[in-house]
Protein backbone atom coordinates (compact mmCIF):
# COMPACT_ATOMS: atom_id res chain seq x y z
CA MET A 1 -9.20 14.64 8.71
CA THR A 2 -6.49 13.21 6.49
CA HIS A 3 -6.60 10.29 4.08
CA THR A 4 -3.44 8.55 2.98
CA HIS A 5 -3.46 6.19 0.03
CA LEU A 6 -0.70 3.74 -0.80
CA THR A 7 -0.75 2.05 -4.19
CA PHE A 8 1.09 -0.99 -5.47
CA ALA A 9 0.22 -3.37 -8.31
CA SER A 10 1.12 -7.07 -8.52
CA ASN A 11 -0.39 -10.45 -9.34
CA HIS A 12 1.36 -12.04 -6.36
CA VAL A 13 -0.11 -11.71 -2.87
CA THR A 14 3.30 -12.25 -1.26
CA LEU A 15 4.85 -9.39 -3.24
CA LEU A 16 1.86 -7.12 -2.54
CA GLU A 17 1.98 -7.91 1.15
CA GLU A 18 5.75 -7.43 1.42
CA ASN A 19 5.81 -4.11 -0.42
CA MET A 20 2.75 -2.66 1.28
CA ASN A 21 3.98 -3.65 4.76
CA ASN A 22 7.36 -2.03 3.96
CA GLU A 23 5.56 1.17 2.95
CA LEU A 24 3.41 1.05 6.09
CA THR A 25 6.60 0.82 8.17
CA LYS A 26 7.84 3.99 6.45
CA VAL A 27 4.53 5.73 7.17
CA SER A 28 4.76 4.70 10.82
CA GLU A 29 8.33 6.00 11.07
CA TRP A 30 7.30 9.30 9.48
CA LEU A 31 4.37 9.66 11.90
CA ILE A 32 6.65 9.04 14.89
CA ALA A 33 9.30 11.47 13.58
CA ASN A 34 6.62 14.15 13.21
CA LYS A 35 4.97 13.40 16.57
CA LEU A 36 1.73 12.31 14.94
CA THR A 37 -0.49 9.32 15.66
CA LEU A 38 -2.57 7.01 13.52
CA ASN A 39 -6.17 6.30 14.44
CA ARG A 40 -5.91 2.53 14.11
CA SER A 41 -9.65 2.02 14.56
CA LYS A 42 -10.21 3.95 11.32
CA THR A 43 -7.30 2.40 9.41
CA GLU A 44 -8.36 0.01 6.67
CA PHE A 45 -7.27 -1.29 3.28
CA MET A 46 -8.97 -2.35 0.09
CA LEU A 47 -7.82 -4.26 -2.97
CA LEU A 48 -9.04 -2.65 -6.19
CA GLY A 49 -9.45 -4.35 -9.54
CA SER A 50 -11.81 -6.12 -11.87
CA ARG A 51 -13.55 -9.25 -10.59
CA GLN A 52 -11.38 -11.36 -12.90
CA ARG A 53 -8.15 -9.73 -11.70
CA LEU A 54 -9.05 -10.06 -8.01
CA ARG A 55 -9.82 -13.77 -8.50
CA THR A 56 -6.25 -14.35 -9.72
CA LEU A 57 -4.81 -13.47 -6.30
CA SER A 58 -3.66 -16.61 -4.53
CA GLY A 59 -4.81 -16.00 -0.98
CA PRO A 60 -5.69 -13.38 1.59
CA LEU A 61 -3.56 -10.29 2.17
CA SER A 62 -2.29 -9.52 5.67
CA LEU A 63 -1.26 -5.91 6.32
CA SER A 64 -0.17 -4.43 9.63
CA ILE A 65 1.36 -1.32 11.11
CA ASN A 66 3.43 -1.57 14.28
CA GLY A 67 2.21 -5.13 14.75
CA ASP A 68 -1.47 -4.18 14.58
CA SER A 69 -3.47 -5.84 11.80
CA ILE A 70 -5.25 -3.57 9.36
CA LYS A 71 -8.83 -4.48 8.50
CA GLN A 72 -9.64 -5.29 4.86
CA VAL A 73 -12.87 -3.72 3.58
CA GLU A 74 -15.03 -4.22 0.52
CA PHE A 75 -16.03 -0.55 0.26
CA THR A 76 -15.28 2.78 1.87
CA LYS A 77 -16.73 6.26 1.82
CA PRO A 78 -14.05 8.93 2.24
CA LEU A 79 -15.37 12.45 1.70
CA ASP A 80 -18.86 11.13 0.81
CA VAL A 81 -17.64 9.29 -2.31
CA TYR A 82 -18.23 5.53 -2.32
CA ILE A 83 -15.33 3.41 -3.51
CA ALA A 84 -15.99 -0.29 -4.08
CA VAL A 85 -13.63 -3.23 -4.52
CA THR A 86 -14.74 -4.20 -8.03
CA ILE A 87 -14.15 -1.90 -10.95
CA TYR A 88 -16.77 -2.12 -13.71
CA TYR A 89 -16.05 -1.09 -17.27
């Protein structure tokens, strides 16, 4: 089992979406070049930040890889460690 994490910070949804989709294209190209596949049913993304910071985003984020939409989640549990959307200080 492998987990890949891509990180990018911005206050603008358009910039986030553009940069993350560009990186996902690179990941897809790398997978193809190395004869690997992505389990799309297990592929998901999450926006991390404080409640206040997440509220400043101006709309939903749409990410895809090879034309397939990636599901946005509120929490995930890789390797038995829960990760939630909101960061509390």
